[in-house]
Full PDB file with SEQRES, HELIX, SHEET, SSBOND, CRYST1, ORIGX, SCALE, CONECT and MASTER records, all heavy atoms in Angstrom:
SEQRES   1 A   35  PHE ILE ILE SER ARG ASP ASN ALA LYS ASN THR MET TYR          
SEQRES   2 A   35  LEU GLN MET ASN SER LEU LYS LEU GLU ASP THR ALA VAL          
SEQRES   3 A   35  TYR TYR CYS ALA ALA SER PRO THR ASP                          
HELIX    1 AA1 LEU A   21  ASP A   23  5                                   3    
SHEET    1 AA1 2 ILE A   2  ASP A   6  0                                        
SHEET    2 AA1 2 THR A  11  GLN A  15 -1                                        
CRYST1    1.000    1.000    1.000  90.00  90.00  90.00 P 1           1          
ORIGX1      1.000000  0.000000  0.000000        0.00000                         
ORIGX2      0.000000  1.000000  0.000000        0.00000                         
ORIGX3      0.000000  0.000000  1.000000        0.00000                         
SCALE1      1.000000  0.000000  0.000000        0.00000                         
SCALE2      0.000000  1.000000  0.000000        0.00000                         
SCALE3      0.000000  0.000000  1.000000        0.00000                         
ATOM      1  N   PHE A   1      -0.238   8.759  -4.377  1.00  0.00           N  
ATOM      2  CA  PHE A   1       0.237   7.553  -3.714  1.00  0.00           C  
ATOM      3  C   PHE A   1       1.017   6.684  -4.695  1.00  0.00           C  
ATOM      4  O   PHE A   1       0.741   6.676  -5.899  1.00  0.00           O  
ATOM      5  CB  PHE A   1      -0.931   6.733  -3.162  1.00  0.00           C  
ATOM      6  CG  PHE A   1      -1.645   7.346  -1.991  1.00  0.00           C  
ATOM      7  CD1 PHE A   1      -1.403   8.648  -1.584  1.00  0.00           C  
ATOM      8  CD2 PHE A   1      -2.582   6.604  -1.294  1.00  0.00           C  
ATOM      9  CE1 PHE A   1      -2.073   9.209  -0.509  1.00  0.00           C  
ATOM     10  CE2 PHE A   1      -3.262   7.149  -0.216  1.00  0.00           C  
ATOM     11  CZ  PHE A   1      -3.009   8.444   0.173  1.00  0.00           C  
ATOM     12  N   ILE A   2       1.966   5.929  -4.171  1.00  0.00           N  
ATOM     13  CA  ILE A   2       2.746   4.991  -4.968  1.00  0.00           C  
ATOM     14  C   ILE A   2       2.782   3.647  -4.261  1.00  0.00           C  
ATOM     15  O   ILE A   2       3.240   3.557  -3.119  1.00  0.00           O  
ATOM     16  CB  ILE A   2       4.182   5.489  -5.197  1.00  0.00           C  
ATOM     17  CG1 ILE A   2       4.181   6.861  -5.888  1.00  0.00           C  
ATOM     18  CG2 ILE A   2       4.963   4.475  -6.034  1.00  0.00           C  
ATOM     19  CD1 ILE A   2       5.545   7.510  -5.965  1.00  0.00           C  
ATOM     20  N   ILE A   3       2.319   2.604  -4.944  1.00  0.00           N  
ATOM     21  CA  ILE A   3       2.376   1.261  -4.402  1.00  0.00           C  
ATOM     22  C   ILE A   3       3.585   0.541  -4.986  1.00  0.00           C  
ATOM     23  O   ILE A   3       3.915   0.711  -6.162  1.00  0.00           O  
ATOM     24  CB  ILE A   3       1.070   0.485  -4.697  1.00  0.00           C  
ATOM     25  CG1 ILE A   3       1.062  -0.869  -3.979  1.00  0.00           C  
ATOM     26  CG2 ILE A   3       0.853   0.320  -6.191  1.00  0.00           C  
ATOM     27  CD1 ILE A   3      -0.283  -1.597  -4.080  1.00  0.00           C  
ATOM     28  N   SER A   4       4.252  -0.245  -4.174  1.00  0.00           N  
ATOM     29  CA  SER A   4       5.404  -0.999  -4.636  1.00  0.00           C  
ATOM     30  C   SER A   4       5.521  -2.280  -3.818  1.00  0.00           C  
ATOM     31  O   SER A   4       4.853  -2.442  -2.793  1.00  0.00           O  
ATOM     32  CB  SER A   4       6.688  -0.166  -4.535  1.00  0.00           C  
ATOM     33  OG  SER A   4       6.958   0.188  -3.192  1.00  0.00           O  
ATOM     34  N   ARG A   5       6.365  -3.183  -4.280  1.00  0.00           N  
ATOM     35  CA  ARG A   5       6.592  -4.413  -3.530  1.00  0.00           C  
ATOM     36  C   ARG A   5       8.020  -4.882  -3.731  1.00  0.00           C  
ATOM     37  O   ARG A   5       8.642  -4.623  -4.760  1.00  0.00           O  
ATOM     38  CB  ARG A   5       5.603  -5.513  -3.947  1.00  0.00           C  
ATOM     39  CG  ARG A   5       5.772  -6.015  -5.374  1.00  0.00           C  
ATOM     40  CD  ARG A   5       4.596  -6.875  -5.808  1.00  0.00           C  
ATOM     41  NE  ARG A   5       4.486  -8.093  -5.014  1.00  0.00           N  
ATOM     42  CZ  ARG A   5       3.438  -8.913  -5.056  1.00  0.00           C  
ATOM     43  NH1 ARG A   5       2.404  -8.628  -5.843  1.00  0.00           N  
ATOM     44  NH2 ARG A   5       3.424 -10.009  -4.302  1.00  0.00           N  
ATOM     45  N   ASP A   6       8.519  -5.577  -2.740  1.00  0.00           N  
ATOM     46  CA  ASP A   6       9.836  -6.179  -2.789  1.00  0.00           C  
ATOM     47  C   ASP A   6       9.634  -7.650  -2.464  1.00  0.00           C  
ATOM     48  O   ASP A   6       9.540  -8.028  -1.293  1.00  0.00           O  
ATOM     49  CB  ASP A   6      10.781  -5.514  -1.799  1.00  0.00           C  
ATOM     50  CG  ASP A   6      12.205  -6.019  -1.911  1.00  0.00           C  
ATOM     51  OD1 ASP A   6      12.426  -7.109  -2.471  1.00  0.00           O  
ATOM     52  OD2 ASP A   6      13.123  -5.317  -1.435  1.00  0.00           O  
ATOM     53  N   ASN A   7       9.539  -8.465  -3.502  1.00  0.00           N  
ATOM     54  CA  ASN A   7       9.237  -9.875  -3.284  1.00  0.00           C  
ATOM     55  C   ASN A   7      10.358 -10.612  -2.560  1.00  0.00           C  
ATOM     56  O   ASN A   7      10.109 -11.601  -1.870  1.00  0.00           O  
ATOM     57  CB  ASN A   7       8.929 -10.555  -4.617  1.00  0.00           C  
ATOM     58  CG  ASN A   7       7.572 -10.178  -5.156  1.00  0.00           C  
ATOM     59  OD1 ASN A   7       6.696  -9.733  -4.416  1.00  0.00           O  
ATOM     60  ND2 ASN A   7       7.376 -10.351  -6.456  1.00  0.00           N  
ATOM     61  N   ALA A   8      11.583 -10.144  -2.706  1.00  0.00           N  
ATOM     62  CA  ALA A   8      12.692 -10.753  -1.985  1.00  0.00           C  
ATOM     63  C   ALA A   8      12.526 -10.589  -0.482  1.00  0.00           C  
ATOM     64  O   ALA A   8      12.967 -11.429   0.298  1.00  0.00           O  
ATOM     65  CB  ALA A   8      14.018 -10.158  -2.442  1.00  0.00           C  
ATOM     66  N   LYS A   9      11.881  -9.492  -0.072  1.00  0.00           N  
ATOM     67  CA  LYS A   9      11.618  -9.234   1.338  1.00  0.00           C  
ATOM     68  C   LYS A   9      10.208  -9.614   1.747  1.00  0.00           C  
ATOM     69  O   LYS A   9       9.843  -9.469   2.917  1.00  0.00           O  
ATOM     70  CB  LYS A   9      11.856  -7.763   1.657  1.00  0.00           C  
ATOM     71  CG  LYS A   9      13.294  -7.313   1.465  1.00  0.00           C  
ATOM     72  CD  LYS A   9      13.457  -5.847   1.830  1.00  0.00           C  
ATOM     73  CE  LYS A   9      14.891  -5.404   1.675  1.00  0.00           C  
ATOM     74  NZ  LYS A   9      15.064  -3.963   2.014  1.00  0.00           N  
ATOM     75  N   ASN A  10       9.412 -10.065   0.772  1.00  0.00           N  
ATOM     76  CA  ASN A  10       8.026 -10.447   1.032  1.00  0.00           C  
ATOM     77  C   ASN A  10       7.261  -9.289   1.679  1.00  0.00           C  
ATOM     78  O   ASN A  10       6.493  -9.471   2.628  1.00  0.00           O  
ATOM     79  CB  ASN A  10       7.958 -11.685   1.930  1.00  0.00           C  
ATOM     80  CG  ASN A  10       6.840 -12.630   1.559  1.00  0.00           C  
ATOM     81  OD1 ASN A  10       6.251 -12.554   0.482  1.00  0.00           O  
ATOM     82  ND2 ASN A  10       6.529 -13.559   2.469  1.00  0.00           N  
ATOM     83  N   THR A  11       7.474  -8.105   1.132  1.00  0.00           N  
ATOM     84  CA  THR A  11       6.922  -6.889   1.707  1.00  0.00           C  
ATOM     85  C   THR A  11       6.344  -5.990   0.622  1.00  0.00           C  
ATOM     86  O   THR A  11       6.892  -5.897  -0.478  1.00  0.00           O  
ATOM     87  CB  THR A  11       7.997  -6.122   2.492  1.00  0.00           C  
ATOM     88  OG1 THR A  11       8.545  -6.976   3.504  1.00  0.00           O  
ATOM     89  CG2 THR A  11       7.407  -4.897   3.168  1.00  0.00           C  
ATOM     90  N   MET A  12       5.243  -5.339   0.945  1.00  0.00           N  
ATOM     91  CA  MET A  12       4.617  -4.369   0.063  1.00  0.00           C  
ATOM     92  C   MET A  12       4.601  -3.019   0.759  1.00  0.00           C  
ATOM     93  O   MET A  12       4.564  -2.941   1.989  1.00  0.00           O  
ATOM     94  CB  MET A  12       3.189  -4.810  -0.273  1.00  0.00           C  
ATOM     95  CG  MET A  12       2.442  -3.852  -1.187  1.00  0.00           C  
ATOM     96  SD  MET A  12       0.758  -4.410  -1.591  1.00  0.00           S  
ATOM     97  CE  MET A  12      -0.019  -4.405   0.029  1.00  0.00           C  
ATOM     98  N   TYR A  13       4.586  -1.956  -0.036  1.00  0.00           N  
ATOM     99  CA  TYR A  13       4.652  -0.611   0.513  1.00  0.00           C  
ATOM    100  C   TYR A  13       3.599   0.288  -0.114  1.00  0.00           C  
ATOM    101  O   TYR A  13       3.133   0.062  -1.226  1.00  0.00           O  
ATOM    102  CB  TYR A  13       6.026   0.011   0.257  1.00  0.00           C  
ATOM    103  CG  TYR A  13       7.177  -0.833   0.725  1.00  0.00           C  
ATOM    104  CD1 TYR A  13       7.817  -1.698  -0.159  1.00  0.00           C  
ATOM    105  CD2 TYR A  13       7.628  -0.766   2.037  1.00  0.00           C  
ATOM    106  CE1 TYR A  13       8.881  -2.478   0.264  1.00  0.00           C  
ATOM    107  CE2 TYR A  13       8.686  -1.543   2.460  1.00  0.00           C  
ATOM    108  CZ  TYR A  13       9.309  -2.393   1.580  1.00  0.00           C  
ATOM    109  OH  TYR A  13      10.367  -3.166   2.002  1.00  0.00           O  
ATOM    110  N   LEU A  14       3.253   1.335   0.610  1.00  0.00           N  
ATOM    111  CA  LEU A  14       2.411   2.388   0.074  1.00  0.00           C  
ATOM    112  C   LEU A  14       3.010   3.718   0.483  1.00  0.00           C  
ATOM    113  O   LEU A  14       2.973   4.084   1.661  1.00  0.00           O  
ATOM    114  CB  LEU A  14       0.972   2.277   0.578  1.00  0.00           C  
ATOM    115  CG  LEU A  14       0.005   3.312   0.001  1.00  0.00           C  
ATOM    116  CD1 LEU A  14      -0.206   3.060  -1.498  1.00  0.00           C  
ATOM    117  CD2 LEU A  14      -1.332   3.285   0.735  1.00  0.00           C  
ATOM    118  N   GLN A  15       3.584   4.419  -0.477  1.00  0.00           N  
ATOM    119  CA  GLN A  15       4.095   5.754  -0.238  1.00  0.00           C  
ATOM    120  C   GLN A  15       2.965   6.739  -0.458  1.00  0.00           C  
ATOM    121  O   GLN A  15       2.404   6.814  -1.545  1.00  0.00           O  
ATOM    122  CB  GLN A  15       5.261   6.060  -1.183  1.00  0.00           C  
ATOM    123  CG  GLN A  15       5.803   7.477  -1.065  1.00  0.00           C  
ATOM    124  CD  GLN A  15       6.455   7.739   0.269  1.00  0.00           C  
ATOM    125  OE1 GLN A  15       7.307   6.962   0.707  1.00  0.00           O  
ATOM    126  NE2 GLN A  15       6.061   8.821   0.928  1.00  0.00           N  
ATOM    127  N   MET A  16       2.634   7.495   0.568  1.00  0.00           N  
ATOM    128  CA  MET A  16       1.531   8.430   0.514  1.00  0.00           C  
ATOM    129  C   MET A  16       2.083   9.849   0.544  1.00  0.00           C  
ATOM    130  O   MET A  16       2.768  10.236   1.493  1.00  0.00           O  
ATOM    131  CB  MET A  16       0.569   8.212   1.677  1.00  0.00           C  
ATOM    132  CG  MET A  16       0.034   6.786   1.767  1.00  0.00           C  
ATOM    133  SD  MET A  16      -1.171   6.570   3.104  1.00  0.00           S  
ATOM    134  CE  MET A  16      -0.105   6.834   4.522  1.00  0.00           C  
ATOM    135  N   ASN A  17       1.792  10.606  -0.486  1.00  0.00           N  
ATOM    136  CA  ASN A  17       2.249  11.978  -0.591  1.00  0.00           C  
ATOM    137  C   ASN A  17       1.059  12.923  -0.691  1.00  0.00           C  
ATOM    138  O   ASN A  17      -0.044  12.520  -1.031  1.00  0.00           O  
ATOM    139  CB  ASN A  17       3.142  12.153  -1.822  1.00  0.00           C  
ATOM    140  CG  ASN A  17       4.350  11.249  -1.807  1.00  0.00           C  
ATOM    141  OD1 ASN A  17       5.067  11.164  -0.814  1.00  0.00           O  
ATOM    142  ND2 ASN A  17       4.602  10.573  -2.932  1.00  0.00           N  
ATOM    143  N   SER A  18       1.314  14.190  -0.419  1.00  0.00           N  
ATOM    144  CA  SER A  18       0.277  15.223  -0.512  1.00  0.00           C  
ATOM    145  C   SER A  18      -0.996  14.792   0.189  1.00  0.00           C  
ATOM    146  O   SER A  18      -2.099  14.875  -0.351  1.00  0.00           O  
ATOM    147  CB  SER A  18      -0.002  15.555  -1.984  1.00  0.00           C  
ATOM    148  OG  SER A  18       1.163  16.012  -2.634  1.00  0.00           O  
ATOM    149  N   LEU A  19      -0.856  14.336   1.410  1.00  0.00           N  
ATOM    150  CA  LEU A  19      -1.983  13.784   2.143  1.00  0.00           C  
ATOM    151  C   LEU A  19      -3.056  14.830   2.414  1.00  0.00           C  
ATOM    152  O   LEU A  19      -2.760  15.989   2.687  1.00  0.00           O  
ATOM    153  CB  LEU A  19      -1.508  13.166   3.449  1.00  0.00           C  
ATOM    154  CG  LEU A  19      -0.832  11.801   3.285  1.00  0.00           C  
ATOM    155  CD1 LEU A  19      -0.010  11.454   4.520  1.00  0.00           C  
ATOM    156  CD2 LEU A  19      -1.883  10.728   3.013  1.00  0.00           C  
ATOM    157  N   LYS A  20      -4.293  14.379   2.344  1.00  0.00           N  
ATOM    158  CA  LYS A  20      -5.452  15.214   2.578  1.00  0.00           C  
ATOM    159  C   LYS A  20      -6.215  14.706   3.793  1.00  0.00           C  
ATOM    160  O   LYS A  20      -6.067  13.551   4.190  1.00  0.00           O  
ATOM    161  CB  LYS A  20      -6.374  15.204   1.359  1.00  0.00           C  
ATOM    162  CG  LYS A  20      -5.708  15.625   0.060  1.00  0.00           C  
ATOM    163  CD  LYS A  20      -6.661  15.469  -1.109  1.00  0.00           C  
ATOM    164  CE  LYS A  20      -6.012  15.883  -2.409  1.00  0.00           C  
ATOM    165  NZ  LYS A  20      -6.945  15.730  -3.559  1.00  0.00           N  
ATOM    166  N   LEU A  21      -7.051  15.559   4.360  1.00  0.00           N  
ATOM    167  CA  LEU A  21      -7.842  15.165   5.514  1.00  0.00           C  
ATOM    168  C   LEU A  21      -8.679  13.927   5.213  1.00  0.00           C  
ATOM    169  O   LEU A  21      -8.849  13.057   6.080  1.00  0.00           O  
ATOM    170  CB  LEU A  21      -8.739  16.306   5.973  1.00  0.00           C  
ATOM    171  CG  LEU A  21      -8.036  17.536   6.551  1.00  0.00           C  
ATOM    172  CD1 LEU A  21      -9.059  18.605   6.900  1.00  0.00           C  
ATOM    173  CD2 LEU A  21      -7.225  17.168   7.785  1.00  0.00           C  
ATOM    174  N   GLU A  22      -9.194  13.831   4.010  1.00  0.00           N  
ATOM    175  CA  GLU A  22     -10.045  12.708   3.645  1.00  0.00           C  
ATOM    176  C   GLU A  22      -9.290  11.398   3.475  1.00  0.00           C  
ATOM    177  O   GLU A  22      -9.901  10.351   3.257  1.00  0.00           O  
ATOM    178  CB  GLU A  22     -10.841  13.022   2.370  1.00  0.00           C  
ATOM    179  CG  GLU A  22      -9.986  13.491   1.210  1.00  0.00           C  
ATOM    180  CD  GLU A  22      -9.948  15.001   1.087  1.00  0.00           C  
ATOM    181  OE1 GLU A  22      -9.837  15.687   2.122  1.00  0.00           O  
ATOM    182  OE2 GLU A  22     -10.037  15.504  -0.059  1.00  0.00           O  
ATOM    183  N   ASP A  23      -7.962  11.440   3.573  1.00  0.00           N  
ATOM    184  CA  ASP A  23      -7.176  10.213   3.550  1.00  0.00           C  
ATOM    185  C   ASP A  23      -7.157   9.521   4.910  1.00  0.00           C  
ATOM    186  O   ASP A  23      -6.642   8.403   5.018  1.00  0.00           O  
ATOM    187  CB  ASP A  23      -5.743  10.499   3.110  1.00  0.00           C  
ATOM    188  CG  ASP A  23      -5.647  10.948   1.667  1.00  0.00           C  
ATOM    189  OD1 ASP A  23      -6.376  10.398   0.816  1.00  0.00           O  
ATOM    190  OD2 ASP A  23      -4.836  11.854   1.386  1.00  0.00           O  
ATOM    191  N   THR A  24      -7.672  10.175   5.923  1.00  0.00           N  
ATOM    192  CA  THR A  24      -7.715   9.581   7.255  1.00  0.00           C  
ATOM    193  C   THR A  24      -8.544   8.303   7.235  1.00  0.00           C  
ATOM    194  O   THR A  24      -9.705   8.309   6.834  1.00  0.00           O  
ATOM    195  CB  THR A  24      -8.303  10.572   8.264  1.00  0.00           C  
ATOM    196  OG1 THR A  24      -7.432  11.692   8.396  1.00  0.00           O  
ATOM    197  CG2 THR A  24      -8.471   9.916   9.631  1.00  0.00           C  
ATOM    198  N   ALA A  25      -7.944   7.204   7.659  1.00  0.00           N  
ATOM    199  CA  ALA A  25      -8.614   5.909   7.628  1.00  0.00           C  
ATOM    200  C   ALA A  25      -7.693   4.858   8.231  1.00  0.00           C  
ATOM    201  O   ALA A  25      -6.515   5.110   8.473  1.00  0.00           O  
ATOM    202  CB  ALA A  25      -8.970   5.512   6.191  1.00  0.00           C  
ATOM    203  N   VAL A  26      -8.256   3.678   8.448  1.00  0.00           N  
ATOM    204  CA  VAL A  26      -7.446   2.512   8.733  1.00  0.00           C  
ATOM    205  C   VAL A  26      -7.063   1.897   7.398  1.00  0.00           C  
ATOM    206  O   VAL A  26      -7.924   1.619   6.566  1.00  0.00           O  
ATOM    207  CB  VAL A  26      -8.195   1.484   9.599  1.00  0.00           C  
ATOM    208  CG1 VAL A  26      -7.347   0.240   9.812  1.00  0.00           C  
ATOM    209  CG2 VAL A  26      -8.566   2.097  10.943  1.00  0.00           C  
ATOM    210  N   TYR A  27      -5.790   1.692   7.193  1.00  0.00           N  
ATOM    211  CA  TYR A  27      -5.293   1.149   5.938  1.00  0.00           C  
ATOM    212  C   TYR A  27      -4.961  -0.326   6.096  1.00  0.00           C  
ATOM    213  O   TYR A  27      -4.275  -0.722   7.037  1.00  0.00           O  
ATOM    214  CB  TYR A  27      -4.053   1.920   5.476  1.00  0.00           C  
ATOM    215  CG  TYR A  27      -4.396   3.253   4.874  1.00  0.00           C  
ATOM    216  CD1 TYR A  27      -4.822   4.304   5.680  1.00  0.00           C  
ATOM    217  CD2 TYR A  27      -4.316   3.460   3.497  1.00  0.00           C  
ATOM    218  CE1 TYR A  27      -5.170   5.527   5.123  1.00  0.00           C  
ATOM    219  CE2 TYR A  27      -4.653   4.684   2.936  1.00  0.00           C  
ATOM    220  CZ  TYR A  27      -5.080   5.713   3.758  1.00  0.00           C  
ATOM    221  OH  TYR A  27      -5.420   6.927   3.208  1.00  0.00           O  
ATOM    222  N   TYR A  28      -5.457  -1.131   5.166  1.00  0.00           N  
ATOM    223  CA  TYR A  28      -5.277  -2.572   5.191  1.00  0.00           C  
ATOM    224  C   TYR A  28      -4.527  -3.041   3.947  1.00  0.00           C  
ATOM    225  O   TYR A  28      -4.774  -2.552   2.851  1.00  0.00           O  
ATOM    226  CB  TYR A  28      -6.627  -3.296   5.207  1.00  0.00           C  
ATOM    227  CG  TYR A  28      -7.513  -2.971   6.382  1.00  0.00           C  
ATOM    228  CD1 TYR A  28      -8.401  -1.902   6.335  1.00  0.00           C  
ATOM    229  CD2 TYR A  28      -7.473  -3.748   7.534  1.00  0.00           C  
ATOM    230  CE1 TYR A  28      -9.227  -1.604   7.408  1.00  0.00           C  
ATOM    231  CE2 TYR A  28      -8.295  -3.462   8.611  1.00  0.00           C  
ATOM    232  CZ  TYR A  28      -9.171  -2.390   8.541  1.00  0.00           C  
ATOM    233  OH  TYR A  28      -9.991  -2.110   9.609  1.00  0.00           O  
ATOM    234  N   CYS A  29      -3.652  -4.003   4.116  1.00  0.00           N  
ATOM    235  CA  CYS A  29      -3.070  -4.659   2.959  1.00  0.00           C  
ATOM    236  C   CYS A  29      -3.771  -5.988   2.735  1.00  0.00           C  
ATOM    237  O   CYS A  29      -4.313  -6.588   3.665  1.00  0.00           O  
ATOM    238  CB  CYS A  29      -1.555  -4.850   3.097  1.00  0.00           C  
ATOM    239  SG  CYS A  29      -1.019  -5.918   4.453  1.00  0.00           S  
ATOM    240  N   ALA A  30      -3.786  -6.435   1.497  1.00  0.00           N  
ATOM    241  CA  ALA A  30      -4.477  -7.656   1.135  1.00  0.00           C  
ATOM    242  C   ALA A  30      -3.754  -8.342  -0.011  1.00  0.00           C  
ATOM    243  O   ALA A  30      -3.046  -7.698  -0.788  1.00  0.00           O  
ATOM    244  CB  ALA A  30      -5.925  -7.344   0.731  1.00  0.00           C  
ATOM    245  N   ALA A  31      -3.945  -9.648  -0.118  1.00  0.00           N  
ATOM    246  CA  ALA A  31      -3.320 -10.437  -1.172  1.00  0.00           C  
ATOM    247  C   ALA A  31      -4.342 -11.356  -1.815  1.00  0.00           C  
ATOM    248  O   ALA A  31      -5.202 -11.913  -1.132  1.00  0.00           O  
ATOM    249  CB  ALA A  31      -2.155 -11.251  -0.615  1.00  0.00           C  
ATOM    250  N   SER A  32      -4.225 -11.508  -3.121  1.00  0.00           N  
ATOM    251  CA  SER A  32      -5.111 -12.372  -3.895  1.00  0.00           C  
ATOM    252  C   SER A  32      -4.295 -13.377  -4.684  1.00  0.00           C  
ATOM    253  O   SER A  32      -3.283 -13.015  -5.283  1.00  0.00           O  
ATOM    254  CB  SER A  32      -5.960 -11.529  -4.848  1.00  0.00           C  
ATOM    255  OG  SER A  32      -6.686 -12.352  -5.743  1.00  0.00           O  
ATOM    256  N   PRO A  33      -4.719 -14.638  -4.737  1.00  0.00           N  
ATOM    257  CA  PRO A  33      -3.982 -15.644  -5.505  1.00  0.00           C  
ATOM    258  C   PRO A  33      -4.167 -15.527  -7.006  1.00  0.00           C  
ATOM    259  O   PRO A  33      -3.548 -16.273  -7.754  1.00  0.00           O  
ATOM    260  CB  PRO A  33      -4.563 -16.962  -4.986  1.00  0.00           C  
ATOM    261  CG  PRO A  33      -5.954 -16.616  -4.587  1.00  0.00           C  
ATOM    262  CD  PRO A  33      -5.866 -15.222  -4.031  1.00  0.00           C  
ATOM    263  N   THR A  34      -4.995 -14.616  -7.460  1.00  0.00           N  
ATOM    264  CA  THR A  34      -5.247 -14.441  -8.875  1.00  0.00           C  
ATOM    265  C   THR A  34      -4.449 -13.275  -9.430  1.00  0.00           C  
ATOM    266  O   THR A  34      -4.081 -12.347  -8.704  1.00  0.00           O  
ATOM    267  CB  THR A  34      -6.742 -14.205  -9.150  1.00  0.00           C  
ATOM    268  OG1 THR A  34      -7.205 -13.091  -8.382  1.00  0.00           O  
ATOM    269  CG2 THR A  34      -7.544 -15.437  -8.767  1.00  0.00           C  
ATOM    270  N   ASP A  35      -4.190 -13.330 -10.740  1.00  0.00           N  
ATOM    271  CA  ASP A  35      -3.467 -12.261 -11.414  1.00  0.00           C  
ATOM    272  C   ASP A  35      -4.490 -11.211 -11.825  1.00  0.00           C  
ATOM    273  O   ASP A  35      -5.070 -11.277 -12.909  1.00  0.00           O  
ATOM    274  CB  ASP A  35      -2.717 -12.822 -12.613  1.00  0.00           C  
ATOM    275  CG  ASP A  35      -1.761 -11.818 -13.228  1.00  0.00           C  
ATOM    276  OD1 ASP A  35      -1.598 -10.716 -12.665  1.00  0.00           O  
ATOM    277  OD2 ASP A  35      -1.172 -12.133 -14.278  1.00  0.00           O  
TER     278      ASP A  35                                                      
MASTER        0    0    0    1    2    0    0    6  277    1    0    3          
END                                                                             
């Protein structure tokens, strides 16, 4: 998997490759005000 973000678009991405059966799930994005 590769996570990325485009702050100009205020958007985050998750590129998922070589997916496995165990990757089946509900995927959630989240944000934290801390570094």
